[in-house]
Amino acid sequence: MKKMTFALAFCNRGFMPGELIYGAREDMIKAVTDAGYDYIAMDAELTRYGGVETRDEGLMYAKWLKEHDGEYDGVIFSMPIFADENGAITALQDAGVPILMQAYPDEIGKMDFAHRRDAYCGKFSVTDVFTQYNVPFTVMKPHVVHPLSEAFSQNLKDFAAICRVVNGMKRFNIGCIGGRTTAFKTVRFDEITMQKYGINVESFDLSEVFFKVRNKADDDAKVQEKKATLQAYTDCSDVPETNMNTLAKLAVVIDEYIDEYHLDALALRCWNEMEAELRICPCVLLSELNDRGIVASCEIDMCSALTMRAMSLASEMPTTVLDWNNNYGDDENKVILFHCGPVPQKLMAAKGHVSNHKMFDKTDPGSGWGANEGRIKPMDVTISNCQTKDGKIIVYVSEAKFTDDPIEDAFFGCGGVAEIPDLQNKLIKLARGGFKHHTSVGEGHMKEILKEAFTTYLGYDWVEID
């Protein structure tokens, strides 16, 4: 994969100690490359001290950025001294990517006119003008920070995550495989609203899916290869051969849709036609897709697929969708989050076991092969979901952790005990806000990253539940 690349920009201002800009360039290049990222920077000889000050220098930098369009994921605007806001806004108003504002701290003992930076103050000058021009930017704590400090190293990591989310969410394709299950109005969504935010929906009918599955031979090379992949991925030892072949065929068909339509995510109608017609339950296929980084939600929950993709981009880890399913005894801050099996193996405590889905088997024996059962591993997580309403995407994000609290063996599916501070009040806010019975889950705490990406750059409406 291509390395995350930042375009570097440096400021200047006539009467300030411009010589400090040379050191800032060296510091920032070292900070970026030491963190494992790449950079591009305009030739330092083109402007005084290699910084942007005048409008003409701003235009020069803007032209250089345009020439390198597509080569950078974000811009770091470094202020080693008090910046000239006119040059800065001219340079970056059309950058089209997230912009991190970094300002240098002054040092006690170096406050004479030859060394004093005043970037603490100058940062406000720049952010004020960018706000006037309606150009979004990112600011982080602390207000001033040295590029070679531990604090900036964390800033850089978080900014890279913000860039991944913003650039990956502002335009992508999501597949809607099957119509909404009649029984679940809770997963309704507005396709036009999604398109307004750059999310293109490609819709496919299950009848075509079934036709494609039934027209694949058991001994087809791709089917056999996929079957071997699934059998290596999880424990499929109990699955009858006929059902195993059908699961592999459906997996191949889904892969074909992904390739042909360049799908970045998908949601699947997983019941009850799959069970009645094909005698399989596609949970394990969604699990495997999620595990290899292709976001896949069940029950045509397109909104969960959206937040799953955002968290996957932020964390660079698989995500999943789960039901707010069960209380955990009398502990009001714990809940069992569960689903039948779309949880990726990377989020599970041990290898899963593919079973005959107990809910479908109860009324139609042998119809539910494909539920990937197991337990979710202990870990810090972020939980999120959204809705499309009145032309807006409305999103919530919170943080929690999965514990190692036991769930009895008889508990069906893949679940885990989540501990969520002030859970009861959060649940009231979700219910009053009209959010669904699902929440998407990603490993790690990333609320502030998602909030910055969603609200500053993507224009989503934010609901605070914490």
Protein backbone atom coordinates (compact mmCIF):
# COMPACT_ATOMS: atom_id res chain seq x y z
CA MET A 1 0.00 0.00 0.00
CA LYS A 2 1.08 3.56 -0.72
CA LYS A 3 2.48 5.33 2.32
CA MET A 4 0.46 8.12 3.88
CA THR A 5 2.01 11.29 2.40
CA PHE A 6 1.87 14.81 3.78
CA ALA A 7 2.50 18.04 1.89
CA LEU A 8 4.61 20.27 4.10
CA ALA A 9 4.16 24.05 4.21
CA PHE A 10 6.04 26.59 6.31
CA CYS A 11 5.17 30.17 7.17
CA ASN A 12 7.22 33.36 7.22
CA ARG A 13 6.68 36.96 8.36
CA GLY A 14 8.94 39.88 7.50
CA PHE A 15 10.25 41.06 10.86
CA MET A 16 10.37 37.66 12.59
CA PRO A 17 13.55 35.50 12.80
CA GLY A 18 13.14 33.69 9.48
CA GLU A 19 16.32 31.67 9.96
CA LEU A 20 14.30 29.45 12.32
CA ILE A 21 12.31 28.13 9.34
CA TYR A 22 15.31 26.12 8.10
CA GLY A 23 15.43 24.20 11.36
CA ALA A 24 11.67 23.66 11.28
CA ARG A 25 11.93 22.04 7.84
CA GLU A 26 14.53 19.59 9.12
CA ASP A 27 12.49 18.87 12.27
CA MET A 28 9.25 18.23 10.38
CA ILE A 29 10.83 15.98 7.76
CA LYS A 30 12.41 13.92 10.54
CA ALA A 31 9.13 13.75 12.50
CA VAL A 32 7.15 12.59 9.47
CA THR A 33 9.64 10.02 8.21
CA ASP A 34 10.40 8.65 11.69
CA ALA A 35 6.66 8.01 12.08
CA GLY A 36 6.70 5.90 8.90
CA TYR A 37 5.02 8.43 6.61
CA ASP A 38 6.20 10.12 3.44
CA TYR A 39 6.25 13.82 2.50
CA ILE A 40 6.50 16.26 -0.35
CA ALA A 41 7.77 19.84 0.08
CA MET A 42 8.23 22.76 -2.26
CA ASP A 43 11.85 23.69 -2.99
CA ALA A 44 13.09 25.84 -0.09
CA GLU A 45 15.06 28.05 -2.49
CA LEU A 46 11.91 29.34 -4.20
CA THR A 47 10.90 31.64 -1.34
CA ARG A 48 12.65 33.57 1.42
CA TYR A 49 13.86 31.02 3.99
CA GLY A 50 11.59 28.45 2.30
CA GLY A 51 8.44 29.84 3.95
CA VAL A 52 5.23 31.29 2.55
CA GLU A 53 4.64 34.94 3.39
CA THR A 54 3.34 37.08 0.54
CA ARG A 55 0.28 36.53 -1.62
CA ASP A 56 2.58 35.80 -4.59
CA GLU A 57 4.38 33.14 -2.57
CA GLY A 58 0.98 31.75 -1.56
CA LEU A 59 -0.03 31.53 -5.21
CA MET A 60 3.26 29.81 -5.99
CA TYR A 61 2.61 27.21 -3.29
CA ALA A 62 -1.02 26.73 -4.41
CA LYS A 63 0.18 26.11 -7.98
CA TRP A 64 2.77 23.62 -6.70
CA LEU A 65 0.06 21.80 -4.72
CA LYS A 66 -2.15 21.59 -7.80
CA GLU A 67 0.72 20.12 -9.80
CA HIS A 68 1.04 17.41 -7.15
CA ASP A 69 -2.69 16.75 -6.82
CA GLY A 70 -3.34 13.17 -5.77
CA GLU A 71 0.15 12.70 -4.32
CA TYR A 72 -0.65 13.88 -0.78
CA ASP A 73 -3.25 12.87 1.80
CA GLY A 74 -3.05 15.91 4.06
CA VAL A 75 -1.16 19.16 4.59
CA ILE A 76 0.89 20.07 7.64
CA PHE A 77 1.15 23.84 7.98
CA SER A 78 4.12 24.49 10.24
CA MET A 79 4.47 27.82 12.02
CA PRO A 80 8.01 28.11 13.40
CA ILE A 81 7.32 31.85 13.85
CA PHE A 82 4.32 34.20 13.72
CA ALA A 83 2.69 33.53 10.33
CA ASP A 84 1.45 35.88 7.65
CA GLU A 85 -2.18 34.85 7.30
CA ASN A 86 -2.60 36.30 3.79
CA GLY A 87 0.10 34.08 2.32
CA ALA A 88 -1.19 31.09 4.30
CA ILE A 89 -4.80 31.28 3.11
CA THR A 90 -3.75 31.96 -0.48
CA ALA A 91 -1.53 28.87 -0.37
CA LEU A 92 -4.01 26.45 1.19
CA GLN A 93 -7.59 27.52 0.54
CA ASP A 94 -7.93 24.98 -2.29
CA ALA A 95 -5.86 22.18 -0.76
CA GLY A 96 -8.89 19.87 -0.72
CA VAL A 97 -7.52 17.67 2.08
CA PRO A 98 -7.28 17.94 5.88
CA ILE A 99 -4.85 20.61 7.13
CA LEU A 100 -3.00 20.27 10.45
CA MET A 101 -2.00 23.54 12.10
CA GLN A 102 1.28 23.12 14.01
CA ALA A 103 2.93 25.98 15.88
CA TYR A 104 6.29 25.96 17.64
CA PRO A 105 6.67 26.65 21.36
CA ASP A 106 8.98 29.37 22.62
CA GLU A 107 11.77 28.36 24.97
CA ILE A 108 12.60 29.98 28.28
CA GLY A 109 16.03 31.55 27.88
CA LYS A 110 15.48 32.13 24.17
CA MET A 111 13.04 35.00 24.28
CA ASP A 112 15.29 37.66 22.74
CA PHE A 113 14.37 39.22 19.39
CA ALA A 114 16.65 36.82 17.46
CA HIS A 115 14.96 33.69 18.86
CA ARG A 116 11.43 34.60 20.02
CA ARG A 117 8.88 32.89 17.79
CA ASP A 118 5.46 34.25 18.88
CA ALA A 119 3.84 31.30 17.06
CA TYR A 120 1.51 30.84 20.05
CA CYS A 121 -0.18 34.07 19.00
CA GLY A 122 0.34 33.71 15.27
CA LYS A 123 -1.57 30.43 15.19
CA PHE A 124 -4.74 32.32 16.13
CA SER A 125 -4.15 34.79 13.34
CA VAL A 126 -4.10 31.95 10.80
CA THR A 127 -7.00 29.95 12.22
CA ASP A 128 -9.15 33.08 12.41
CA VAL A 129 -8.64 33.84 8.72
CA PHE A 130 -9.15 30.22 7.66
CA THR A 131 -12.45 30.28 9.56
CA GLN A 132 -13.46 33.51 7.79
CA TYR A 133 -12.75 31.82 4.45
CA ASN A 134 -14.64 28.67 5.52
CA VAL A 135 -11.56 26.51 4.96
CA PRO A 136 -11.60 23.55 7.39
CA PHE A 137 -8.51 22.73 9.43
CA THR A 138 -7.41 20.60 12.37
CA VAL A 139 -6.00 21.89 15.66
CA MET A 140 -4.85 19.62 18.46
CA LYS A 141 -3.54 19.81 21.99
CA PRO A 142 -1.13 21.22 23.05
CA HIS A 143 -1.61 24.58 21.33
CA VAL A 144 2.11 24.80 20.56
CA VAL A 145 4.24 21.68 20.14
CA HIS A 146 7.70 20.81 18.87
CA PRO A 147 7.67 18.40 15.90
CA LEU A 148 10.21 16.10 17.57
CA SER A 149 8.22 15.78 20.80
CA GLU A 150 6.23 12.76 21.92
CA ALA A 151 3.07 14.89 21.93
CA PHE A 152 3.47 15.76 18.26
CA SER A 153 4.18 12.13 17.42
CA GLN A 154 0.70 11.31 18.77
CA ASN A 155 -0.78 14.33 16.95
CA LEU A 156 0.72 13.04 13.72
CA LYS A 157 -0.68 9.55 14.25
CA ASP A 158 -4.14 10.96 14.96
CA PHE A 159 -3.96 13.32 11.99
CA ALA A 160 -3.04 10.45 9.69
CA ALA A 161 -6.16 8.60 10.92
CA ILE A 162 -8.29 11.70 10.28
CA CYS A 163 -6.89 11.92 6.74
CA ARG A 164 -7.67 8.25 6.08
CA VAL A 165 -11.26 8.69 7.24
CA VAL A 166 -11.89 11.93 5.36
CA ASN A 167 -10.28 10.85 2.10
CA GLY A 168 -11.83 7.39 2.28
CA MET A 169 -15.35 8.61 3.13
CA LYS A 170 -15.83 11.64 0.88
CA ARG A 171 -16.37 9.39 -2.14
CA PHE A 172 -16.90 5.61 -2.08
CA ASN A 173 -19.14 2.82 -3.38
CA ILE A 174 -21.35 0.68 -1.18
CA GLY A 175 -23.29 -2.37 -2.36
CA CYS A 176 -26.85 -3.04 -1.27
CA ILE A 177 -27.37 -6.75 -1.95
CA GLY A 178 -31.08 -7.45 -1.63
CA GLY A 179 -33.99 -5.32 -0.50
CA ARG A 180 -34.65 -4.32 3.09
CA THR A 181 -36.09 -7.17 5.13
CA THR A 182 -39.78 -6.35 5.54
CA ALA A 183 -39.71 -7.00 9.27
CA PHE A 184 -36.95 -4.42 9.90
CA LYS A 185 -37.96 -0.85 9.25
CA THR A 186 -35.22 0.04 11.73
CA VAL A 187 -32.59 -0.29 8.97
CA ARG A 188 -34.27 2.05 6.50
CA PHE A 189 -31.96 4.61 4.88
CA ASP A 190 -32.09 7.42 2.34
CA GLU A 191 -30.00 6.67 -0.74
CA ILE A 192 -30.22 10.26 -2.02
CA THR A 193 -28.87 11.60 1.28
CA MET A 194 -25.93 9.22 1.04
CA GLN A 195 -25.19 10.41 -2.50
CA LYS A 196 -25.23 14.00 -1.28
CA TYR A 197 -22.29 13.06 0.97
CA GLY A 198 -20.44 11.28 -1.84
CA ILE A 199 -21.58 7.75 -0.98
CA ASN A 200 -22.71 5.94 -4.12
CA VAL A 201 -25.13 3.04 -3.60
CA GLU A 202 -25.17 0.12 -6.05
CA SER A 203 -28.24 -2.08 -5.59
CA PHE A 204 -28.54 -5.77 -6.54
CA ASP A 205 -31.54 -8.11 -6.47
CA LEU A 206 -31.31 -11.40 -4.60
CA SER A 207 -32.91 -13.25 -7.52
CA GLU A 208 -29.84 -12.42 -9.62
CA VAL A 209 -27.57 -13.49 -6.76
CA PHE A 210 -29.34 -16.85 -6.49
CA PHE A 211 -29.19 -17.32 -10.29
CA LYS A 212 -25.44 -16.74 -10.25
CA VAL A 213 -24.94 -19.11 -7.30
CA ARG A 214 -26.95 -21.90 -8.93
CA ASN A 215 -25.02 -21.56 -12.17
CA LYS A 216 -21.66 -22.25 -10.54
CA ALA A 217 -20.42 -25.84 -10.54
CA ASP A 218 -19.15 -27.52 -7.39
CA ASP A 219 -15.82 -28.23 -9.08
CA ASP A 220 -15.34 -24.66 -10.38
CA ALA A 221 -11.75 -23.68 -9.55
CA LYS A 222 -12.75 -20.42 -7.87
CA VAL A 223 -15.41 -22.20 -5.80
CA GLN A 224 -12.94 -24.82 -4.60
CA GLU A 225 -10.34 -22.17 -3.84
CA LYS A 226 -12.88 -20.16 -1.85
CA LYS A 227 -14.01 -23.27 0.02
CA ALA A 228 -10.40 -23.95 1.04
CA THR A 229 -10.04 -20.32 2.16
CA LEU A 230 -13.15 -20.54 4.36
CA GLN A 231 -12.08 -23.88 5.84
CA ALA A 232 -8.70 -22.41 6.76
CA TYR A 233 -10.32 -19.23 8.10
CA THR A 234 -12.55 -20.87 10.71
CA ASP A 235 -13.72 -24.28 11.90
CA CYS A 236 -16.08 -25.59 9.22
CA SER A 237 -15.75 -29.26 10.20
CA ASP A 238 -19.46 -29.72 10.97
CA VAL A 239 -20.78 -28.14 7.77
CA PRO A 240 -22.19 -30.69 5.30
CA GLU A 241 -20.39 -30.78 1.94
CA THR A 242 -23.37 -29.52 -0.05
CA ASN A 243 -23.88 -26.50 2.22
CA MET A 244 -20.13 -25.82 2.27
CA ASN A 245 -20.07 -25.71 -1.52
CA THR A 246 -23.03 -23.32 -1.56
CA LEU A 247 -21.34 -21.01 0.94
CA ALA A 248 -18.25 -20.96 -1.27
CA LYS A 249 -20.33 -20.23 -4.39
CA LEU A 250 -22.08 -17.31 -2.70
CA ALA A 251 -18.71 -15.98 -1.51
CA VAL A 252 -17.40 -16.08 -5.08
CA VAL A 253 -20.51 -14.26 -6.37
CA ILE A 254 -20.12 -11.53 -3.74
CA ASP A 255 -16.44 -11.15 -4.68
CA GLU A 256 -17.49 -10.76 -8.32
CA TYR A 257 -19.86 -7.92 -7.39
CA ILE A 258 -17.09 -6.28 -5.36
CA ASP A 259 -14.65 -6.45 -8.26
CA GLU A 260 -17.05 -5.46 -11.03
CA TYR A 261 -18.63 -2.51 -9.23
CA HIS A 262 -15.53 -1.43 -7.24
CA LEU A 263 -17.39 -1.81 -3.95
CA ASP A 264 -15.67 -0.48 -0.83
CA ALA A 265 -18.37 -1.79 1.51
CA LEU A 266 -21.62 -3.73 1.34
CA ALA A 267 -24.73 -4.72 3.24
CA LEU A 268 -26.48 -8.03 2.60
CA ARG A 269 -30.06 -9.24 3.00
CA CYS A 270 -29.18 -12.30 5.04
CA TRP A 271 -32.60 -13.72 5.94
CA ASN A 272 -34.76 -15.55 5.31
CA GLU A 273 -34.48 -16.24 1.56
CA MET A 274 -30.85 -17.36 1.91
CA GLU A 275 -31.94 -20.03 4.36
CA ALA A 276 -35.15 -21.05 2.59
CA GLU A 277 -33.69 -21.15 -0.93
CA LEU A 278 -29.97 -21.86 -0.55
CA ARG A 279 -29.98 -23.64 2.84
CA ILE A 280 -27.19 -21.45 4.15
CA CYS A 281 -26.73 -18.51 6.47
CA PRO A 282 -24.07 -16.05 5.15
CA CYS A 283 -22.71 -14.88 8.54
CA VAL A 284 -19.31 -16.53 8.08
CA LEU A 285 -18.92 -14.91 4.66
CA LEU A 286 -19.47 -11.46 6.16
CA SER A 287 -16.99 -12.33 8.91
CA GLU A 288 -14.33 -13.28 6.35
CA LEU A 289 -14.97 -10.15 4.26
CA ASN A 290 -14.61 -7.95 7.35
CA ASP A 291 -11.46 -9.77 8.38
CA ARG A 292 -9.76 -8.94 5.08
CA GLY A 293 -10.81 -5.30 5.30
CA ILE A 294 -13.92 -5.22 3.10
CA VAL A 295 -16.68 -3.78 5.26
CA ALA A 296 -19.72 -6.06 5.26
CA SER A 297 -22.89 -5.49 7.28
CA CYS A 298 -25.83 -7.84 7.65
CA GLU A 299 -29.60 -7.21 7.49
CA ILE A 300 -29.15 -4.49 4.82
CA ASP A 301 -27.91 -2.13 7.51
CA MET A 302 -26.33 0.44 5.22
CA CYS A 303 -25.89 2.98 8.00
CA SER A 304 -23.86 0.54 10.09
CA ALA A 305 -21.72 -0.18 7.02
CA LEU A 306 -20.99 3.55 6.78
CA THR A 307 -19.70 3.87 10.35
CA MET A 308 -17.91 0.51 10.10
CA ARG A 309 -15.98 1.84 7.11
CA ALA A 310 -15.06 5.03 8.93
CA MET A 311 -13.73 3.11 11.93
CA SER A 312 -11.88 0.66 9.70
CA LEU A 313 -10.15 3.57 7.97
CA ALA A 314 -9.29 5.21 11.28
CA SER A 315 -7.95 2.10 13.02
CA GLU A 316 -6.68 0.15 10.00
CA MET A 317 -8.35 -2.83 11.65
CA PRO A 318 -11.50 -4.84 10.84
CA THR A 319 -14.84 -3.74 12.28
CA THR A 320 -18.21 -5.36 12.85
CA VAL A 321 -21.89 -4.69 13.51
CA LEU A 322 -23.57 -5.98 16.67
CA ASP A 323 -26.96 -5.99 18.35
CA TRP A 324 -27.57 -4.18 21.64
CA ASN A 325 -28.73 -7.58 22.79
CA ASN A 326 -28.79 -8.49 26.50
CA ASN A 327 -28.33 -7.04 29.95
CA TYR A 328 -25.48 -8.63 31.91
CA GLY A 329 -27.10 -9.54 35.19
CA ASP A 330 -27.66 -6.50 37.41
CA ASP A 331 -24.68 -4.47 36.18
CA GLU A 332 -26.21 -1.38 34.59
CA ASN A 333 -22.98 -0.45 32.80
CA LYS A 334 -22.52 -3.81 31.08
CA VAL A 335 -24.30 -5.20 28.03
CA ILE A 336 -23.92 -8.28 25.87
CA LEU A 337 -23.30 -7.14 22.30
CA PHE A 338 -23.99 -9.99 19.88
CA HIS A 339 -24.57 -11.09 16.34
CA CYS A 340 -24.92 -14.42 14.61
CA GLY A 341 -21.44 -14.42 13.13
CA PRO A 342 -20.26 -11.44 11.02
CA VAL A 343 -17.54 -10.67 13.59
CA PRO A 344 -14.07 -10.88 11.98
CA GLN A 345 -11.68 -13.43 13.47
CA LYS A 346 -9.23 -10.63 14.35
CA LEU A 347 -11.79 -9.34 16.87
CA MET A 348 -12.54 -12.78 18.33
CA ALA A 349 -10.91 -14.42 21.34
CA ALA A 350 -10.35 -17.68 19.46
CA LYS A 351 -11.12 -19.32 16.13
CA GLY A 352 -14.82 -19.48 15.39
CA HIS A 353 -16.96 -22.54 14.80
CA VAL A 354 -19.46 -22.63 11.93
CA SER A 355 -22.82 -23.99 13.04
CA ASN A 356 -26.36 -24.45 11.85
CA HIS A 357 -28.08 -21.19 12.87
CA LYS A 358 -30.30 -22.17 15.80
CA MET A 359 -33.03 -19.62 15.04
CA PHE A 360 -33.59 -20.90 11.50
CA ASP A 361 -33.01 -24.54 12.39
CA LYS A 362 -35.81 -24.32 14.93
CA THR A 363 -38.52 -23.90 12.28
CA ASP A 364 -36.71 -25.22 9.19
CA PRO A 365 -34.15 -27.86 10.17
CA GLY A 366 -30.88 -27.79 8.25
CA SER A 367 -31.47 -24.38 6.67
CA GLY A 368 -28.99 -22.22 8.58
CA TRP A 369 -25.46 -23.47 7.95
CA GLY A 370 -23.04 -20.56 8.20
CA ALA A 371 -23.28 -18.92 11.63
CA ASN A 372 -19.72 -18.33 12.88
CA GLU A 373 -19.93 -18.79 16.65
CA GLY A 374 -17.43 -17.68 19.27
CA ARG A 375 -16.60 -14.87 21.69
CA ILE A 376 -15.33 -11.34 21.20
CA LYS A 377 -11.88 -10.69 22.68
CA PRO A 378 -11.27 -8.24 25.57
CA MET A 379 -10.22 -4.88 24.10
CA ASP A 380 -10.86 -1.16 24.07
CA VAL A 381 -13.43 -0.28 21.42
CA THR A 382 -15.26 2.58 19.78
CA ILE A 383 -19.00 2.24 19.14
CA SER A 384 -20.84 4.26 16.52
CA ASN A 385 -23.81 4.40 14.21
CA CYS A 386 -25.73 6.88 12.12
CA GLN A 387 -29.03 7.62 10.45
CA THR A 388 -30.08 9.44 7.30
CA LYS A 389 -32.79 11.97 8.05
CA ASP A 390 -34.04 15.12 6.29
CA GLY A 391 -31.08 15.09 3.92
CA LYS A 392 -28.52 14.76 6.72
CA ILE A 393 -26.26 12.04 8.06
CA ILE A 394 -26.58 12.08 11.85
CA VAL A 395 -23.95 10.17 13.79
CA TYR A 396 -23.01 9.25 17.35
CA VAL A 397 -19.70 7.91 18.65
CA SER A 398 -18.71 6.70 22.10
CA GLU A 399 -16.01 4.56 23.67
CA ALA A 400 -16.14 1.37 25.70
CA LYS A 401 -14.29 -1.86 26.34
CA PHE A 402 -15.02 -5.55 25.99
CA THR A 403 -14.25 -7.42 29.20
CA ASP A 404 -13.30 -11.04 29.83
CA ASP A 405 -16.56 -11.63 31.71
CA PRO A 406 -17.90 -15.08 30.84
CA ILE A 407 -21.03 -15.81 28.83
CA GLU A 408 -22.42 -19.30 29.28
CA ASP A 409 -21.62 -21.86 26.59
CA ALA A 410 -25.28 -22.24 25.65
CA PHE A 411 -25.38 -18.60 24.43
CA PHE A 412 -25.71 -18.80 20.66
CA GLY A 413 -23.69 -16.78 18.13
CA CYS A 414 -20.72 -14.48 18.62
CA GLY A 415 -20.96 -12.11 21.57
CA GLY A 416 -19.02 -10.34 24.25
CA VAL A 417 -19.62 -8.35 27.41
CA ALA A 418 -19.09 -4.62 26.85
CA GLU A 419 -18.56 -2.22 29.74
CA ILE A 420 -19.81 1.26 28.84
CA PRO A 421 -19.67 4.13 31.36
CA ASP A 422 -23.06 5.71 32.11
CA LEU A 423 -24.67 3.16 29.80
CA GLN A 424 -28.27 3.68 30.93
CA ASN A 425 -28.25 7.38 30.07
CA LYS A 426 -26.60 6.63 26.72
CA LEU A 427 -29.33 4.12 25.92
CA ILE A 428 -32.01 6.71 26.66
CA LYS A 429 -30.32 9.18 24.30
CA LEU A 430 -30.09 6.54 21.56
CA ALA A 431 -33.75 5.61 21.98
CA ARG A 432 -34.91 9.25 22.01
CA GLY A 433 -32.67 9.98 19.02
CA GLY A 434 -34.23 7.27 16.88
CA PHE A 435 -31.09 5.15 16.50
CA LYS A 436 -31.36 1.48 15.59
CA HIS A 437 -30.84 -1.73 17.55
CA HIS A 438 -27.38 -2.14 15.97
CA THR A 439 -24.10 -0.49 16.81
CA SER A 440 -20.89 -0.79 14.83
CA VAL A 441 -17.72 -1.62 16.74
CA GLY A 442 -14.03 -1.03 16.01
CA GLU A 443 -10.91 -1.81 18.02
CA GLY A 444 -9.28 1.09 19.87
CA HIS A 445 -10.45 4.45 21.14
CA MET A 446 -10.99 6.84 18.24
CA LYS A 447 -13.89 9.07 19.19
CA GLU A 448 -12.00 12.35 18.78
CA ILE A 449 -10.54 11.25 15.44
CA LEU A 450 -14.00 10.39 14.09
CA LYS A 451 -15.55 13.55 15.51
CA GLU A 452 -12.93 15.67 13.75
CA ALA A 453 -13.37 13.83 10.45
CA PHE A 454 -17.18 13.74 10.59
CA THR A 455 -17.86 17.30 11.72
CA THR A 456 -14.92 19.41 10.50
CA TYR A 457 -14.49 17.89 7.05
CA LEU A 458 -17.40 15.62 6.07
CA GLY A 459 -20.28 17.76 7.32
CA TYR A 460 -22.15 15.10 9.32
CA ASP A 461 -24.45 16.13 12.16
CA TRP A 462 -23.09 15.00 15.53
CA VAL A 463 -25.17 13.71 18.44
CA GLU A 464 -23.32 13.71 21.76
CA ILE A 465 -24.35 10.75 23.93
CA ASP A 466 -21.49 10.85 26.46
